[in-house]
N, C-alpha and C. Protein backbone atom coordinates (compact mmCIF):
# COMPACT_ATOMS: atom_id res chain seq x y z
N UNK A 1 0.93 41.93 13.62
CA UNK A 1 0.26 41.44 14.27
C UNK A 1 0.68 40.03 14.19
N UNK A 2 0.77 39.03 15.07
CA UNK A 2 1.03 37.62 14.68
C UNK A 2 -0.30 37.00 14.42
N UNK A 3 -0.08 35.62 13.82
CA UNK A 3 -1.28 34.67 13.30
C UNK A 3 -1.40 33.89 14.35
N UNK A 4 -2.47 33.23 14.56
CA UNK A 4 -2.81 32.33 15.45
C UNK A 4 -2.27 30.57 15.04
N UNK A 5 -1.86 29.78 15.54
CA UNK A 5 -1.47 28.73 15.31
C UNK A 5 -2.57 27.91 14.56
N UNK A 6 -3.82 28.12 14.38
CA UNK A 6 -4.77 27.33 13.84
C UNK A 6 -4.90 27.99 12.23
N UNK A 7 -4.54 29.42 12.15
CA UNK A 7 -4.57 29.99 10.89
C UNK A 7 -3.66 29.43 10.09
N UNK A 8 -2.35 29.33 11.06
CA UNK A 8 -1.00 29.12 10.22
C UNK A 8 -1.08 27.48 9.82
N UNK A 9 -1.96 26.88 10.49
CA UNK A 9 -1.76 25.37 9.74
C UNK A 9 -3.09 25.37 8.52
N UNK A 10 -3.76 26.00 8.89
CA UNK A 10 -4.83 25.97 7.51
C UNK A 10 -4.12 26.64 6.66
N UNK A 11 -3.32 27.55 6.87
CA UNK A 11 -2.13 28.28 5.41
C UNK A 11 -1.29 27.25 4.95
N UNK A 12 -0.71 26.20 5.77
CA UNK A 12 0.03 25.13 5.54
C UNK A 12 -0.61 24.27 4.84
N UNK A 13 -1.97 23.59 5.27
CA UNK A 13 -2.55 22.89 4.64
C UNK A 13 -2.80 23.34 3.15
N UNK A 14 -3.35 24.46 2.93
CA UNK A 14 -3.72 25.41 1.73
C UNK A 14 -2.31 25.22 0.51
N UNK A 15 -1.30 25.44 1.03
CA UNK A 15 -0.15 25.69 0.21
C UNK A 15 0.40 24.05 0.17
N UNK A 16 0.30 23.13 0.77
CA UNK A 16 1.11 21.92 0.32
C UNK A 16 -0.21 20.98 -0.23
N UNK A 17 -1.32 20.67 0.43
CA UNK A 17 -2.31 20.03 0.00
C UNK A 17 -3.08 20.80 -1.29
N UNK A 18 -3.37 22.05 -1.07
CA UNK A 18 -4.20 22.81 -2.20
C UNK A 18 -5.68 22.74 -1.76
N UNK A 19 -6.15 22.18 -0.86
CA UNK A 19 -7.55 22.12 -0.09
C UNK A 19 -7.51 23.54 0.69
N UNK A 20 -8.59 24.05 0.39
CA UNK A 20 -8.90 25.58 1.30
C UNK A 20 -10.11 24.78 2.23
N UNK A 21 -9.60 24.73 3.68
CA UNK A 21 -10.70 24.15 4.79
C UNK A 21 -11.32 25.32 4.99
N UNK A 22 -11.35 26.59 4.67
CA UNK A 22 -12.28 27.83 4.96
C UNK A 22 -13.55 27.35 4.14
N UNK A 23 -13.43 26.79 3.13
CA UNK A 23 -14.70 26.56 2.29
C UNK A 23 -15.76 25.99 2.93
N UNK A 24 -15.51 25.12 4.24
CA UNK A 24 -16.49 24.07 4.64
C UNK A 24 -17.41 24.88 5.56
N UNK A 25 -16.88 26.17 5.60
CA UNK A 25 -17.61 27.05 6.65
C UNK A 25 -18.92 27.31 6.14
N UNK A 26 -19.08 27.40 4.95
CA UNK A 26 -20.42 28.26 4.22
C UNK A 26 -21.62 27.37 4.39
N UNK A 27 -21.26 26.10 4.72
CA UNK A 27 -22.43 24.93 4.80
C UNK A 27 -23.28 25.36 6.15
N UNK A 28 -24.54 25.53 6.09
CA UNK A 28 -25.27 25.39 7.08
C UNK A 28 -25.85 24.37 7.64
N UNK A 29 -25.55 23.54 8.95
CA UNK A 29 -26.17 22.29 9.12
C UNK A 29 -27.24 22.30 10.05
N UNK A 30 -27.71 23.38 10.22
CA UNK A 30 -28.81 23.54 11.22
C UNK A 30 -30.09 24.09 10.43
N UNK A 31 -31.08 23.52 11.12
CA UNK A 31 -32.51 24.21 10.28
C UNK A 31 -32.57 25.66 10.86
N UNK A 32 -33.04 26.66 9.36
CA UNK A 32 -33.22 27.94 9.97
C UNK A 32 -34.79 27.93 9.87
N UNK A 33 -35.66 27.12 9.95
CA UNK A 33 -36.98 27.94 10.18
C UNK A 33 -37.54 27.93 11.61
N UNK A 34 -38.91 28.54 11.35
CA UNK A 34 -39.03 29.04 12.87
C UNK A 34 -39.80 28.28 13.93
N UNK A 35 -39.26 27.85 14.90
CA UNK A 35 -40.12 26.74 15.66
C UNK A 35 -40.80 27.70 16.53
N UNK A 36 -42.23 27.11 17.05
CA UNK A 36 -43.44 27.69 17.40
C UNK A 36 -43.64 26.67 18.70
N UNK A 37 -43.95 27.34 19.99
CA UNK A 37 -44.47 26.42 20.90
C UNK A 37 -45.66 26.71 20.95
N UNK A 38 -46.47 25.65 21.48
CA UNK A 38 -47.89 24.98 21.14
C UNK A 38 -48.55 26.42 22.08
N UNK A 39 -49.67 26.55 21.40
CA UNK A 39 -50.57 27.73 22.26
C UNK A 39 -51.15 26.90 23.72
N UNK A 40 -51.84 27.87 24.45
CA UNK A 40 -52.68 26.65 25.50
C UNK A 40 -53.68 26.21 24.91
N UNK A 41 -54.37 26.66 24.19
CA UNK A 41 -55.24 25.60 23.39
C UNK A 41 -54.79 24.33 22.78
N UNK A 42 -53.87 24.56 22.21
CA UNK A 42 -53.39 23.46 21.35
C UNK A 42 -52.73 22.70 22.43
N UNK A 43 -52.04 22.65 23.48
CA UNK A 43 -52.00 21.90 24.51
C UNK A 43 -53.11 21.11 24.95
N UNK A 44 -54.06 21.90 25.30
CA UNK A 44 -55.42 21.18 25.83
C UNK A 44 -55.90 20.43 25.17
N UNK A 45 -56.24 20.54 23.76
CA UNK A 45 -56.86 20.02 22.79
C UNK A 45 -55.97 18.59 22.66
N UNK A 46 -54.58 18.83 22.68
CA UNK A 46 -53.84 17.61 22.24
C UNK A 46 -53.93 16.52 23.70
N UNK A 47 -53.91 17.09 24.69
CA UNK A 47 -53.97 16.25 25.91
C UNK A 47 -55.52 15.69 26.02
N UNK A 48 -56.47 16.36 25.48
CA UNK A 48 -57.73 15.86 25.37
C UNK A 48 -57.94 14.80 24.64
N UNK A 49 -57.40 14.79 23.21
CA UNK A 49 -57.53 13.71 22.38
C UNK A 49 -56.64 12.62 22.09
N UNK A 50 -55.34 13.02 23.13
CA UNK A 50 -54.34 12.19 23.04
C UNK A 50 -54.72 10.46 23.20
N UNK A 51 -55.56 10.03 24.25
CA UNK A 51 -55.80 8.55 24.53
C UNK A 51 -57.19 8.23 23.79
N UNK A 52 -57.41 9.17 23.07
CA UNK A 52 -59.07 8.90 22.85
C UNK A 52 -59.30 7.79 21.77
N UNK A 53 -58.43 7.33 21.02
CA UNK A 53 -58.56 6.60 20.24
C UNK A 53 -58.38 4.98 20.65
N UNK A 54 -57.69 5.27 21.82
CA UNK A 54 -57.55 3.77 22.72
C UNK A 54 -58.79 3.33 23.61
N UNK A 55 -59.56 4.08 23.74
CA UNK A 55 -60.90 3.73 24.42
C UNK A 55 -62.11 3.93 23.75
N UNK A 56 -62.15 3.63 22.53
CA UNK A 56 -63.49 3.62 21.65
C UNK A 56 -64.14 2.33 22.22
N UNK A 57 -65.30 2.17 22.26
CA UNK A 57 -66.32 1.26 22.62
C UNK A 57 -66.54 0.46 21.11
N UNK A 58 -66.00 -0.65 20.79
CA UNK A 58 -66.50 -1.40 19.61
C UNK A 58 -67.38 -2.44 19.71
């Protein structure tokens, strides 16, 4: 089976420069924590208290 042009290029860089480009793939650049959407009650509470601080009578 033949090799792709990209793989040939990576192998050439590794031979000539000595830099292994494939090692850069190990880093994770995105967050892996779980993102949760707000529940209905949280949304309602947020909208209720959103502008409350602006209309205080002092």
